[in-house]
Amino acid sequence: MISTLLRSTITAVCLALPLAALADDQAEAAERLNELLSRAQTMTGGFSQMTLSSNGANLQETTGTLALKRPGMFRWHTDPPLEQLLVSDGERIWLYDPDLQQVTIQTMDKRLSHTPALLLSGDVSQLQESFDIEWSKGGSVQDFTLTPKEADSMFDSLRVSFSDGVINDMQMSDPVGQRTNILFRNVELNAPLDDAQFTFEAPDGVDVISE
């Protein structure tokens, strides 16, 4: 009986070790990502974005500019011919489509998995509660793969890459298998930003839809 008890104890300990190691890895990955994201109280730059279908076909390419400010404020402008403007003051989100002459106003969902812009500008202190996180490093490049714990996230997985401590690119996979790659350029951190650019006034004649 003692032998059986001993074997059971050893088995339980051996099974627990990988789980403990995994938890430690998750904690370290979350801490490192939190530290990198928290360096940027503000962020400005440009981006190029490519969306691919599940079989790798190129569906769309766009460029634009962005401005982010913690906590939760962002301005994401996509250039013509597919022009859109996404603005948040931390409480509301405005989506303006000039071609449709329409602006949609929503209450902001503050879950980090709701939009990549919020991941970059929101409160990242609870990263480990929102995502399973894997981390790897090669030279000056650090990669983080985030898998949302909530089933209703807008993406299935998100990879965030930093070079020399500054965000370089993001890659998202959605539930239908589409992949979106965002490459950042001319990134500047912690420049003073006026809160006024994180609100939106609908132009005259534009349809306003509140949700």
Protein backbone atom coordinates (compact mmCIF):
# COMPACT_ATOMS: atom_id res chain seq x y z
CA MET A 1 0.00 0.00 0.00
CA ILE A 2 2.83 2.37 0.83
CA SER A 3 4.40 1.57 -2.53
CA THR A 4 1.13 2.30 -4.32
CA LEU A 5 0.75 5.59 -2.45
CA LEU A 6 4.33 6.55 -3.27
CA ARG A 7 3.83 5.82 -6.96
CA SER A 8 0.63 7.90 -6.99
CA THR A 9 2.39 10.81 -5.31
CA ILE A 10 5.31 10.69 -7.72
CA THR A 11 2.92 10.54 -10.69
CA ALA A 12 0.96 13.56 -9.42
CA VAL A 13 4.14 15.57 -8.91
CA CYS A 14 5.45 14.69 -12.38
CA LEU A 15 2.18 15.71 -13.98
CA ALA A 16 2.13 18.98 -12.07
CA LEU A 17 5.65 19.99 -13.08
CA PRO A 18 4.83 20.77 -16.75
CA LEU A 19 1.76 22.74 -15.67
CA ALA A 20 3.81 24.77 -13.22
CA ALA A 21 6.47 25.40 -15.87
CA LEU A 22 3.77 26.48 -18.32
CA ALA A 23 2.30 28.91 -15.79
CA ASP A 24 5.76 30.37 -15.15
CA ASP A 25 6.34 30.77 -18.90
CA GLN A 26 2.95 32.47 -19.28
CA ALA A 27 3.72 34.85 -16.43
CA GLU A 28 7.13 35.75 -17.86
CA ALA A 29 5.70 36.27 -21.36
CA ALA A 30 2.92 38.50 -20.01
CA GLU A 31 5.40 40.50 -17.92
CA ARG A 32 7.73 41.07 -20.89
CA LEU A 33 4.87 42.08 -23.22
CA ASN A 34 3.38 44.36 -20.58
CA GLU A 35 6.75 46.05 -20.13
CA LEU A 36 7.20 46.63 -23.87
CA LEU A 37 3.67 47.95 -24.42
CA SER A 38 3.78 50.16 -21.32
CA ARG A 39 6.87 51.97 -22.62
CA ALA A 40 4.60 53.70 -25.14
CA GLN A 41 2.25 56.10 -23.36
CA THR A 42 1.70 57.58 -26.80
CA MET A 43 2.54 56.24 -30.25
CA THR A 44 2.33 57.68 -33.76
CA GLY A 45 3.34 56.28 -37.13
CA GLY A 46 2.19 54.82 -40.40
CA PHE A 47 1.13 51.34 -41.36
CA SER A 48 0.57 49.09 -44.34
CA GLN A 49 -2.00 46.32 -44.04
CA MET A 50 -2.61 43.19 -46.11
CA THR A 51 -5.52 40.79 -45.71
CA LEU A 52 -5.20 37.24 -47.03
CA SER A 53 -7.88 34.59 -47.47
CA SER A 54 -7.66 31.18 -45.83
CA ASN A 55 -5.99 29.82 -48.99
CA GLY A 56 -3.47 32.68 -49.16
CA ALA A 57 -5.13 34.85 -51.83
CA ASN A 58 -4.58 38.59 -51.44
CA LEU A 59 -7.96 40.14 -50.56
CA GLN A 60 -7.02 43.72 -49.74
CA GLU A 61 -4.06 46.07 -49.27
CA THR A 62 -4.29 49.41 -47.50
CA THR A 63 -2.04 52.05 -45.94
CA GLY A 64 -2.66 54.70 -43.33
CA THR A 65 -1.60 56.54 -40.20
CA LEU A 66 -2.25 56.01 -36.51
CA ALA A 67 -2.04 57.80 -33.19
CA LEU A 68 -2.50 56.09 -29.82
CA LYS A 69 -2.63 57.41 -26.27
CA ARG A 70 -3.17 55.56 -23.04
CA PRO A 71 -5.61 54.74 -21.68
CA GLY A 72 -7.78 53.60 -24.57
CA MET A 73 -7.54 56.51 -27.01
CA PHE A 74 -6.71 55.91 -30.65
CA ARG A 75 -7.07 57.39 -34.14
CA TRP A 76 -6.66 54.93 -37.01
CA HIS A 77 -6.97 56.46 -40.51
CA THR A 78 -6.97 54.28 -43.63
CA ASP A 79 -6.02 56.08 -46.84
CA PRO A 80 -8.20 56.29 -49.98
CA PRO A 81 -9.47 54.55 -52.06
CA LEU A 82 -10.76 52.49 -49.10
CA GLU A 83 -10.80 55.42 -46.71
CA GLN A 84 -12.07 54.94 -43.18
CA LEU A 85 -11.45 56.69 -39.88
CA LEU A 86 -11.67 54.90 -36.53
CA VAL A 87 -11.49 57.17 -33.47
CA SER A 88 -11.87 56.48 -29.75
CA ASP A 89 -11.78 58.79 -26.73
CA GLY A 90 -11.60 55.82 -24.36
CA GLU A 91 -15.37 55.66 -23.87
CA ARG A 92 -16.84 55.82 -27.39
CA ILE A 93 -15.74 54.68 -30.83
CA TRP A 94 -16.56 56.54 -34.03
CA LEU A 95 -16.29 54.74 -37.38
CA TYR A 96 -16.49 57.21 -40.25
CA ASP A 97 -16.85 56.07 -43.87
CA PRO A 98 -16.57 59.07 -46.23
CA ASP A 99 -17.74 57.07 -49.26
CA LEU A 100 -20.96 56.06 -47.51
CA GLN A 101 -21.27 59.49 -45.83
CA GLN A 102 -21.94 57.64 -42.59
CA VAL A 103 -20.56 57.60 -39.06
CA THR A 104 -21.35 54.83 -36.56
CA ILE A 105 -20.97 55.54 -32.83
CA GLN A 106 -20.58 52.69 -30.34
CA THR A 107 -19.83 52.38 -26.66
CA MET A 108 -16.28 51.12 -26.36
CA ASP A 109 -15.75 47.48 -25.44
CA LYS A 110 -12.67 47.70 -23.22
CA ARG A 111 -11.67 44.05 -23.51
CA LEU A 112 -8.17 43.85 -24.92
CA SER A 113 -9.22 41.17 -27.39
CA HIS A 114 -11.87 43.41 -28.97
CA THR A 115 -9.53 45.34 -31.26
CA PRO A 116 -5.75 45.42 -31.86
CA ALA A 117 -5.77 49.20 -31.40
CA LEU A 118 -7.00 48.70 -27.84
CA LEU A 119 -4.27 46.15 -27.18
CA LEU A 120 -1.73 48.83 -28.11
CA SER A 121 -3.42 51.70 -26.28
CA GLY A 122 -5.42 50.13 -23.45
CA ASP A 123 -4.71 48.96 -19.92
CA VAL A 124 -2.35 46.02 -20.39
CA SER A 125 -2.06 45.14 -16.70
CA GLN A 126 -4.43 42.19 -17.15
CA LEU A 127 -2.87 40.65 -20.25
CA GLN A 128 -2.55 37.23 -18.66
CA GLU A 129 -6.25 37.22 -17.77
CA SER A 130 -7.23 37.90 -21.39
CA PHE A 131 -4.73 35.75 -23.32
CA ASP A 132 -2.57 32.67 -23.31
CA ILE A 133 0.82 34.12 -24.30
CA GLU A 134 3.89 32.54 -25.88
CA TRP A 135 7.17 34.43 -26.17
CA SER A 136 10.34 33.94 -28.20
CA LYS A 137 13.43 36.05 -28.79
CA GLY A 138 16.07 36.13 -31.51
CA GLY A 139 18.68 38.90 -31.34
CA SER A 140 16.89 42.25 -31.12
CA VAL A 141 13.52 40.77 -32.17
CA GLN A 142 10.90 39.59 -29.67
CA ASP A 143 7.75 37.77 -30.83
CA PHE A 144 4.60 37.22 -28.77
CA THR A 145 1.73 34.98 -29.79
CA LEU A 146 -1.54 35.76 -28.02
CA THR A 147 -4.52 33.39 -27.97
CA PRO A 148 -7.71 34.95 -26.53
CA LYS A 149 -9.33 33.12 -23.65
CA GLU A 150 -12.78 34.50 -24.55
CA ALA A 151 -14.73 32.75 -27.31
CA ASP A 152 -16.15 35.97 -28.80
CA SER A 153 -12.81 37.64 -29.60
CA MET A 154 -12.48 39.21 -33.03
CA PHE A 155 -9.38 37.08 -33.69
CA ASP A 156 -8.29 33.50 -32.99
CA SER A 157 -4.62 34.39 -32.57
CA LEU A 158 -2.46 37.49 -32.71
CA ARG A 159 1.30 37.67 -33.16
CA VAL A 160 3.02 40.89 -32.09
CA SER A 161 6.65 41.49 -33.03
CA PHE A 162 9.04 44.06 -31.55
CA SER A 163 12.43 45.10 -32.91
CA ASP A 164 14.81 46.90 -30.53
CA GLY A 165 11.90 47.38 -28.13
CA VAL A 166 9.61 49.08 -30.69
CA ILE A 167 6.61 47.42 -32.29
CA ASN A 168 7.34 46.28 -35.83
CA ASP A 169 4.35 44.26 -37.02
CA MET A 170 1.20 42.37 -36.07
CA GLN A 171 -0.44 39.33 -37.66
CA MET A 172 -4.01 38.29 -36.87
CA SER A 173 -5.93 35.15 -37.78
CA ASP A 174 -9.72 35.30 -37.58
CA PRO A 175 -12.29 32.53 -37.04
CA VAL A 176 -12.83 31.99 -40.82
CA GLY A 177 -9.11 31.58 -41.51
CA GLN A 178 -8.35 35.01 -42.93
CA ARG A 179 -5.01 36.56 -41.95
CA THR A 180 -4.30 40.26 -41.59
CA ASN A 181 -0.70 41.50 -41.55
CA ILE A 182 0.04 45.02 -40.29
CA LEU A 183 3.52 46.46 -40.76
CA PHE A 184 4.30 49.63 -38.80
CA ARG A 185 6.69 52.32 -40.04
CA ASN A 186 8.15 55.60 -38.75
CA VAL A 187 6.99 54.75 -35.23
CA GLU A 188 7.52 57.47 -32.64
CA LEU A 189 6.93 56.86 -28.96
CA ASN A 190 5.85 59.27 -26.21
CA ALA A 191 5.48 62.44 -28.26
CA PRO A 192 2.93 64.89 -26.77
CA LEU A 193 -0.54 64.31 -28.28
CA ASP A 194 -3.59 66.57 -27.93
CA ASP A 195 -6.69 64.76 -26.66
CA ALA A 196 -8.75 66.71 -29.21
CA GLN A 197 -7.65 64.39 -32.02
CA PHE A 198 -9.29 61.47 -30.21
CA THR A 199 -12.83 62.83 -30.63
CA PHE A 200 -14.88 63.17 -33.80
CA GLU A 201 -17.44 65.67 -35.06
CA ALA A 202 -19.58 64.34 -37.91
CA PRO A 203 -19.48 66.59 -40.99
CA ASP A 204 -22.73 68.24 -42.12
CA GLY A 205 -24.96 65.94 -44.14
CA VAL A 206 -23.46 62.73 -42.79
CA ASP A 207 -25.77 60.00 -41.47
CA VAL A 208 -25.11 59.31 -37.79
CA ILE A 209 -25.93 55.84 -36.43
CA SER A 210 -25.70 55.20 -32.68
CA GLU A 211 -25.50 51.60 -31.47
